[in-house]
Amino acid sequence: MAETTEEEQEQEAPGQKSPHPEAPAYRRVGHKGADAIAEGNTLASFEAAVDAGVDMIELDVLRDREGRLVVAHDQRDALARKPLTLSEALTAFLEPPLDEVEVDCDLKLPGREAELAGALAGHGMIERAMVSTMEISSLTKLRQLEPDMRLGWTFPKTRRDWTRSRWASPGVAAGVAALRRRFPRHLARRAPDLDVDAVWVYHPIATPRLVRAANDAGVELIAWTVDDLGRMTELLQMGVDGVCTNDPRLFAQAERIAQGDASEPAQEEDVGPSGEGDAEPEAVNAEPKGRNTEADRGSADAESEEAGKDGVKAEKD
């Protein structure tokens, strides 16, 4: 078989895939199911995501105030409605139409790794599931508990909303620009020790260089949370391994545009900053839309100091 030249390899990098209508070359992930269609983390939302053609459903796993593992984003979400227990949700994924898709359990808090792993094993879902989390300690424990479980590292770790805090915009732009430069090297260093199968990254941080770094490290690169058609198309053309969105109806159109089969309608500029910059902050206090948000600016300073211990921290919405 003829070998490809370096020039040909560079043209193919970072894995310019050829999505096929029946077998896309990337993972379509529904955030909380299909949160833009039906209230997230509910059976209705999960079923809407399947109807829209997702390959995987991301759901939030939280320990509620009664000590149960429930499918909710945070305590406020858990108290505002009657959330599914984790067991109820996993049982539903054994029946049509949810038995057609994979599941990502986004573990929000550390400390209940054994219970989560046991629930997945008890429902026979270890092979169908991934557990993603921003907590390094949880990744380590889960790998020890279930060596064959697929794990995803969520990056960056944060507890604030980057997009909603008007005062934080300049700092966030600088922080994201720094992450775009630095994270490919950081991933190359950390991936072997973390022993993860995927990295879930805040989508403005994703670049062709990061795609190449993920490929070299042998991990999937999944971008979250992408609700802008133009950015989704750009990520598909970049060669990411997965895209997580609140609106999985966008996937079909983005795939057509990425393949040149449709023209892209005019879109408002995506909220996530994507320009390169020179600032390299010790930490970024941010959280993408829909994640745990704190109202006061005062706590941000304390979080920034904490984040500095591990460079930049992250959380998936």
Protein backbone atom coordinates (compact mmCIF):
# COMPACT_ATOMS: atom_id res chain seq x y z
CA MET A 1 0.00 0.00 0.00
CA ALA A 2 1.41 3.41 -0.95
CA GLU A 3 2.40 5.63 1.95
CA THR A 4 1.05 9.14 2.20
CA THR A 5 3.45 12.04 2.11
CA GLU A 6 3.77 14.51 4.99
CA GLU A 7 1.98 17.09 2.85
CA GLU A 8 -0.90 14.71 2.24
CA GLN A 9 -1.06 13.87 5.96
CA GLU A 10 -1.16 17.57 6.86
CA GLN A 11 -4.00 18.09 4.38
CA GLU A 12 -5.90 15.27 6.05
CA ALA A 13 -5.14 16.49 9.56
CA PRO A 14 -6.72 16.98 11.98
CA GLY A 15 -8.73 14.04 10.74
CA GLN A 16 -10.92 15.56 8.05
CA LYS A 17 -13.69 13.03 8.21
CA SER A 18 -16.34 12.33 5.63
CA PRO A 19 -19.66 12.20 7.43
CA HIS A 20 -22.08 9.74 5.86
CA PRO A 21 -25.83 10.18 6.31
CA GLU A 22 -26.13 6.69 7.80
CA ALA A 23 -22.89 6.66 9.78
CA PRO A 24 -21.63 10.10 10.79
CA ALA A 25 -17.95 10.24 11.59
CA TYR A 26 -18.67 11.99 14.86
CA ARG A 27 -20.82 11.45 17.94
CA ARG A 28 -24.09 13.40 18.07
CA VAL A 29 -24.75 14.16 21.74
CA GLY A 30 -27.98 15.58 23.11
CA HIS A 31 -27.38 17.83 26.12
CA LYS A 32 -29.76 16.76 28.90
CA GLY A 33 -31.55 15.02 26.06
CA ALA A 34 -32.85 17.85 23.92
CA ASP A 35 -33.15 20.76 26.33
CA ALA A 36 -34.18 23.18 23.55
CA ILE A 37 -37.15 20.97 22.66
CA ALA A 38 -38.35 19.66 26.02
CA GLU A 39 -37.26 20.32 29.59
CA GLY A 40 -33.85 18.73 30.06
CA ASN A 41 -33.07 15.67 32.19
CA THR A 42 -36.57 14.28 31.66
CA LEU A 43 -37.85 11.26 29.75
CA ALA A 44 -39.65 13.59 27.33
CA SER A 45 -36.38 15.34 26.56
CA PHE A 46 -34.49 12.08 26.13
CA GLU A 47 -37.12 10.76 23.71
CA ALA A 48 -37.10 14.03 21.77
CA ALA A 49 -33.33 13.67 21.38
CA VAL A 50 -33.71 10.16 20.00
CA ASP A 51 -36.33 11.41 17.55
CA ALA A 52 -33.83 14.06 16.42
CA GLY A 53 -31.22 11.41 15.68
CA VAL A 54 -28.67 11.58 18.50
CA ASP A 55 -26.15 8.82 19.14
CA MET A 56 -25.68 9.64 22.82
CA ILE A 57 -27.66 11.41 25.52
CA GLU A 58 -25.83 13.37 28.21
CA LEU A 59 -27.63 13.52 31.54
CA ASP A 60 -26.66 15.07 34.85
CA VAL A 61 -26.10 12.93 37.93
CA LEU A 62 -26.37 14.67 41.28
CA ARG A 63 -26.62 13.64 44.92
CA ASP A 64 -29.72 15.34 46.22
CA ARG A 65 -30.26 16.59 49.76
CA GLU A 66 -31.79 13.27 50.76
CA GLY A 67 -28.68 11.44 49.63
CA ARG A 68 -30.16 9.88 46.48
CA LEU A 69 -28.55 9.96 43.07
CA VAL A 70 -30.97 11.83 40.84
CA VAL A 71 -30.94 13.19 37.30
CA ALA A 72 -30.69 16.92 37.90
CA HIS A 73 -28.22 19.67 37.14
CA ASP A 74 -28.01 21.21 40.61
CA GLN A 75 -29.85 21.38 43.91
CA ARG A 76 -32.12 24.17 42.69
CA ASP A 77 -33.12 22.02 39.71
CA ALA A 78 -33.69 19.01 41.97
CA LEU A 79 -35.93 21.02 44.32
CA ALA A 80 -37.91 22.74 41.55
CA ARG A 81 -39.36 19.50 40.22
CA LYS A 82 -39.51 15.80 40.96
CA PRO A 83 -36.40 14.54 39.18
CA LEU A 84 -35.90 11.01 37.97
CA THR A 85 -33.78 8.87 40.21
CA LEU A 86 -30.70 7.52 38.48
CA SER A 87 -32.18 4.02 38.66
CA GLU A 88 -35.41 5.16 37.00
CA ALA A 89 -33.49 6.86 34.22
CA LEU A 90 -31.21 3.89 33.54
CA THR A 91 -34.19 1.53 33.51
CA ALA A 92 -35.81 3.73 30.87
CA PHE A 93 -32.70 3.38 28.71
CA LEU A 94 -33.29 -0.36 28.57
CA GLU A 95 -36.62 0.12 26.77
CA PRO A 96 -37.50 1.55 23.32
CA PRO A 97 -36.80 4.12 22.07
CA LEU A 98 -34.00 4.92 24.53
CA ASP A 99 -32.36 1.52 24.12
CA GLU A 100 -31.06 2.75 20.73
CA VAL A 101 -28.56 5.26 22.15
CA GLU A 102 -25.55 5.53 24.42
CA VAL A 103 -25.54 7.46 27.68
CA ASP A 104 -23.10 9.91 29.20
CA CYS A 105 -23.53 10.43 32.93
CA ASP A 106 -22.16 13.85 33.81
CA LEU A 107 -21.20 13.41 37.46
CA LYS A 108 -21.63 16.79 39.11
CA LEU A 109 -20.15 16.12 42.57
CA PRO A 110 -17.48 13.75 43.86
CA GLY A 111 -18.10 11.14 46.51
CA ARG A 112 -20.66 8.71 45.03
CA GLU A 113 -18.52 7.07 42.35
CA ALA A 114 -19.08 3.53 43.63
CA GLU A 115 -22.85 3.99 43.65
CA LEU A 116 -22.84 5.34 40.12
CA ALA A 117 -20.60 2.56 38.83
CA GLY A 118 -22.75 -0.01 40.60
CA ALA A 119 -25.93 1.39 39.08
CA LEU A 120 -24.50 1.23 35.57
CA ALA A 121 -23.22 -2.30 36.11
CA GLY A 122 -26.49 -3.39 37.68
CA HIS A 123 -28.39 -2.22 34.60
CA GLY A 124 -25.90 -3.91 32.26
CA MET A 125 -24.88 -0.54 30.81
CA ILE A 126 -21.12 -0.38 31.32
CA GLU A 127 -20.48 -0.88 27.59
CA ARG A 128 -23.18 1.62 26.54
CA ALA A 129 -22.24 4.32 28.97
CA MET A 130 -19.57 6.92 29.58
CA VAL A 131 -19.07 8.90 32.77
CA SER A 132 -17.76 12.43 32.35
CA THR A 133 -16.75 14.76 35.14
CA MET A 134 -14.59 17.76 35.94
CA GLU A 135 -13.38 16.04 39.12
CA ILE A 136 -9.99 14.36 38.66
CA SER A 137 -10.44 12.43 41.90
CA SER A 138 -13.67 10.92 40.56
CA LEU A 139 -11.99 9.83 37.33
CA THR A 140 -9.31 8.03 39.34
CA LYS A 141 -11.83 6.26 41.57
CA LEU A 142 -14.06 5.24 38.66
CA ARG A 143 -11.12 3.76 36.77
CA GLN A 144 -10.25 1.68 39.82
CA LEU A 145 -13.85 0.58 40.30
CA GLU A 146 -14.62 -0.27 36.67
CA PRO A 147 -11.45 -0.64 34.56
CA ASP A 148 -13.49 -1.08 31.37
CA MET A 149 -15.76 1.92 31.86
CA ARG A 150 -15.35 4.76 29.36
CA LEU A 151 -14.40 7.98 31.11
CA GLY A 152 -14.47 11.59 29.98
CA TRP A 153 -12.57 14.53 31.45
CA THR A 154 -14.62 17.73 31.38
CA PHE A 155 -12.56 20.88 30.80
CA PRO A 156 -12.31 23.56 32.02
CA LYS A 157 -13.52 23.35 35.59
CA THR A 158 -15.60 26.29 36.70
CA ARG A 159 -18.58 27.26 38.79
CA ARG A 160 -19.48 30.53 37.12
CA ASP A 161 -21.30 31.41 33.94
CA TRP A 162 -18.89 32.96 31.41
CA THR A 163 -21.62 34.11 29.09
CA ARG A 164 -23.98 35.73 31.59
CA SER A 165 -21.59 37.86 33.65
CA ARG A 166 -21.19 41.11 31.75
CA TRP A 167 -18.38 42.25 34.03
CA ALA A 168 -16.37 39.11 33.30
CA SER A 169 -16.35 39.38 29.49
CA PRO A 170 -12.86 40.89 29.03
CA GLY A 171 -11.28 38.44 31.45
CA VAL A 172 -13.13 35.52 29.94
CA ALA A 173 -12.00 36.45 26.42
CA ALA A 174 -8.40 36.60 27.58
CA GLY A 175 -8.76 33.35 29.49
CA VAL A 176 -10.29 31.47 26.58
CA ALA A 177 -7.59 32.78 24.25
CA ALA A 178 -4.94 31.52 26.65
CA LEU A 179 -6.64 28.13 26.92
CA ARG A 180 -6.76 27.80 23.15
CA ARG A 181 -2.99 28.18 23.10
CA ARG A 182 -2.10 26.18 26.17
CA PHE A 183 -4.61 23.33 26.42
CA PRO A 184 -3.26 21.19 23.53
CA ARG A 185 0.06 20.86 25.38
CA HIS A 186 -1.73 20.38 28.70
CA LEU A 187 -3.86 17.59 27.23
CA ALA A 188 -0.81 15.85 25.80
CA ARG A 189 0.79 15.84 29.25
CA ARG A 190 -2.26 14.87 31.30
CA ALA A 191 -4.07 12.35 29.11
CA PRO A 192 -1.74 9.37 29.76
CA ASP A 193 -1.94 9.82 33.55
CA LEU A 194 -5.69 10.42 33.60
CA ASP A 195 -6.34 7.29 31.49
CA VAL A 196 -9.52 8.74 29.98
CA ASP A 197 -11.27 7.84 26.75
CA ALA A 198 -12.55 11.33 25.93
CA VAL A 199 -12.13 14.97 26.79
CA TRP A 200 -15.26 17.11 26.87
CA VAL A 201 -14.15 20.65 26.10
CA TYR A 202 -15.93 24.01 26.16
CA HIS A 203 -16.37 24.59 22.43
CA PRO A 204 -14.59 27.98 22.02
CA ILE A 205 -11.41 26.26 23.20
CA ALA A 206 -11.53 23.73 20.36
CA THR A 207 -9.03 24.35 17.55
CA PRO A 208 -7.45 22.22 14.81
CA ARG A 209 -4.36 22.03 17.00
CA LEU A 210 -6.42 20.62 19.88
CA VAL A 211 -8.01 18.10 17.53
CA ARG A 212 -4.54 16.91 16.52
CA ALA A 213 -3.45 16.75 20.17
CA ALA A 214 -6.51 14.63 21.05
CA ASN A 215 -5.87 12.35 18.10
CA ASP A 216 -2.23 11.93 19.14
CA ALA A 217 -3.28 11.18 22.72
CA GLY A 218 -5.81 8.61 21.53
CA VAL A 219 -8.83 10.31 23.14
CA GLU A 220 -12.10 11.51 21.68
CA LEU A 221 -12.63 15.27 21.57
CA ILE A 222 -16.24 16.23 22.30
CA ALA A 223 -17.23 19.91 22.19
CA TRP A 224 -19.96 21.36 24.43
CA THR A 225 -22.46 23.03 24.48
CA VAL A 226 -22.93 24.11 20.85
CA ASP A 227 -26.26 25.71 19.92
CA ASP A 228 -25.03 27.86 17.03
CA LEU A 229 -25.29 26.33 13.54
CA GLY A 230 -22.25 28.14 12.20
CA ARG A 231 -20.02 27.03 15.06
CA MET A 232 -21.32 23.47 14.88
CA THR A 233 -20.50 23.34 11.17
CA GLU A 234 -17.03 24.72 11.86
CA LEU A 235 -16.40 22.05 14.48
CA LEU A 236 -17.49 19.26 12.15
CA GLN A 237 -15.15 20.55 9.46
CA MET A 238 -12.40 20.78 12.08
CA GLY A 239 -12.76 17.07 12.77
CA VAL A 240 -13.98 16.86 16.37
CA ASP A 241 -15.16 13.44 17.51
CA GLY A 242 -18.40 14.66 19.02
CA VAL A 243 -20.64 17.68 19.50
CA CYS A 244 -23.01 18.21 22.43
CA THR A 245 -26.00 20.49 21.87
CA ASN A 246 -29.30 21.49 23.45
CA ASP A 247 -30.89 21.36 19.98
CA PRO A 248 -30.04 18.15 18.12
CA ARG A 249 -32.22 19.29 15.21
CA LEU A 250 -29.16 21.32 14.14
CA PHE A 251 -27.08 18.24 13.39
CA ALA A 252 -28.65 17.37 10.04
CA GLN A 253 -28.28 20.88 8.67
CA ALA A 254 -24.73 21.26 9.98
CA GLU A 255 -23.76 17.98 8.34
CA ARG A 256 -25.16 19.12 4.99
CA ILE A 257 -23.31 22.44 5.20
CA ALA A 258 -20.08 20.76 6.27
CA GLN A 259 -20.29 18.50 3.23
CA GLY A 260 -21.09 21.44 0.93
CA ASP A 261 -24.65 20.26 0.28
CA ALA A 262 -26.31 23.37 1.69
CA SER A 263 -25.58 27.01 2.24
CA GLU A 264 -25.36 28.42 5.74
CA PRO A 265 -27.95 30.99 6.76
CA ALA A 266 -26.84 34.20 8.41
CA GLN A 267 -26.07 33.61 12.09
CA GLU A 268 -25.42 35.88 15.00
CA GLU A 269 -21.89 35.69 16.31
CA ASP A 270 -21.49 32.84 18.78
CA VAL A 271 -21.27 33.86 22.42
CA GLY A 272 -18.00 32.02 22.99
CA PRO A 273 -14.86 34.07 22.29
CA SER A 274 -12.60 32.42 19.76
CA GLY A 275 -9.83 34.91 19.03
CA GLU A 276 -6.21 34.32 20.01
CA GLY A 277 -4.77 36.58 22.70
CA ASP A 278 -1.65 37.16 24.74
CA ALA A 279 -3.01 37.15 28.27
CA GLU A 280 -2.39 33.98 30.27
CA PRO A 281 -4.42 34.16 33.47
CA GLU A 282 -3.79 31.72 36.27
CA ALA A 283 -7.43 30.70 36.20
CA VAL A 284 -10.72 31.32 34.51
CA ASN A 285 -13.88 31.69 36.59
CA ALA A 286 -16.55 30.76 34.15
CA GLU A 287 -19.31 28.45 33.39
CA PRO A 288 -21.04 27.90 30.09
CA LYS A 289 -24.68 28.66 29.69
CA GLY A 290 -26.90 26.47 31.81
CA ARG A 291 -24.33 25.39 34.41
CA ASN A 292 -24.07 26.15 38.11
CA THR A 293 -24.16 29.94 38.34
CA GLU A 294 -23.49 32.24 41.29
CA ALA A 295 -24.90 35.72 41.37
CA ASP A 296 -22.30 37.67 43.28
CA ARG A 297 -18.96 38.70 41.97
CA GLY A 298 -17.30 38.43 45.38
CA SER A 299 -17.17 34.64 45.35
CA ALA A 300 -15.44 34.71 41.96
CA ASP A 301 -12.19 35.91 43.50
CA ALA A 302 -12.11 32.99 45.90
CA GLU A 303 -12.86 30.57 43.09
CA SER A 304 -10.11 32.09 40.99
CA GLU A 305 -7.58 31.46 43.76
CA GLU A 306 -8.77 27.85 44.06
CA ALA A 307 -8.65 27.32 40.30
CA GLY A 308 -5.06 28.47 40.22
CA LYS A 309 -4.07 25.26 41.98
CA ASP A 310 -4.73 23.28 38.82
CA GLY A 311 -4.14 25.86 36.14
CA VAL A 312 -7.63 26.40 34.80
CA LYS A 313 -10.68 24.56 36.05
CA ALA A 314 -13.69 23.49 34.06
CA GLU A 315 -17.24 22.20 34.15
CA LYS A 316 -19.55 20.90 31.48
CA ASP A 317 -23.00 22.47 31.44
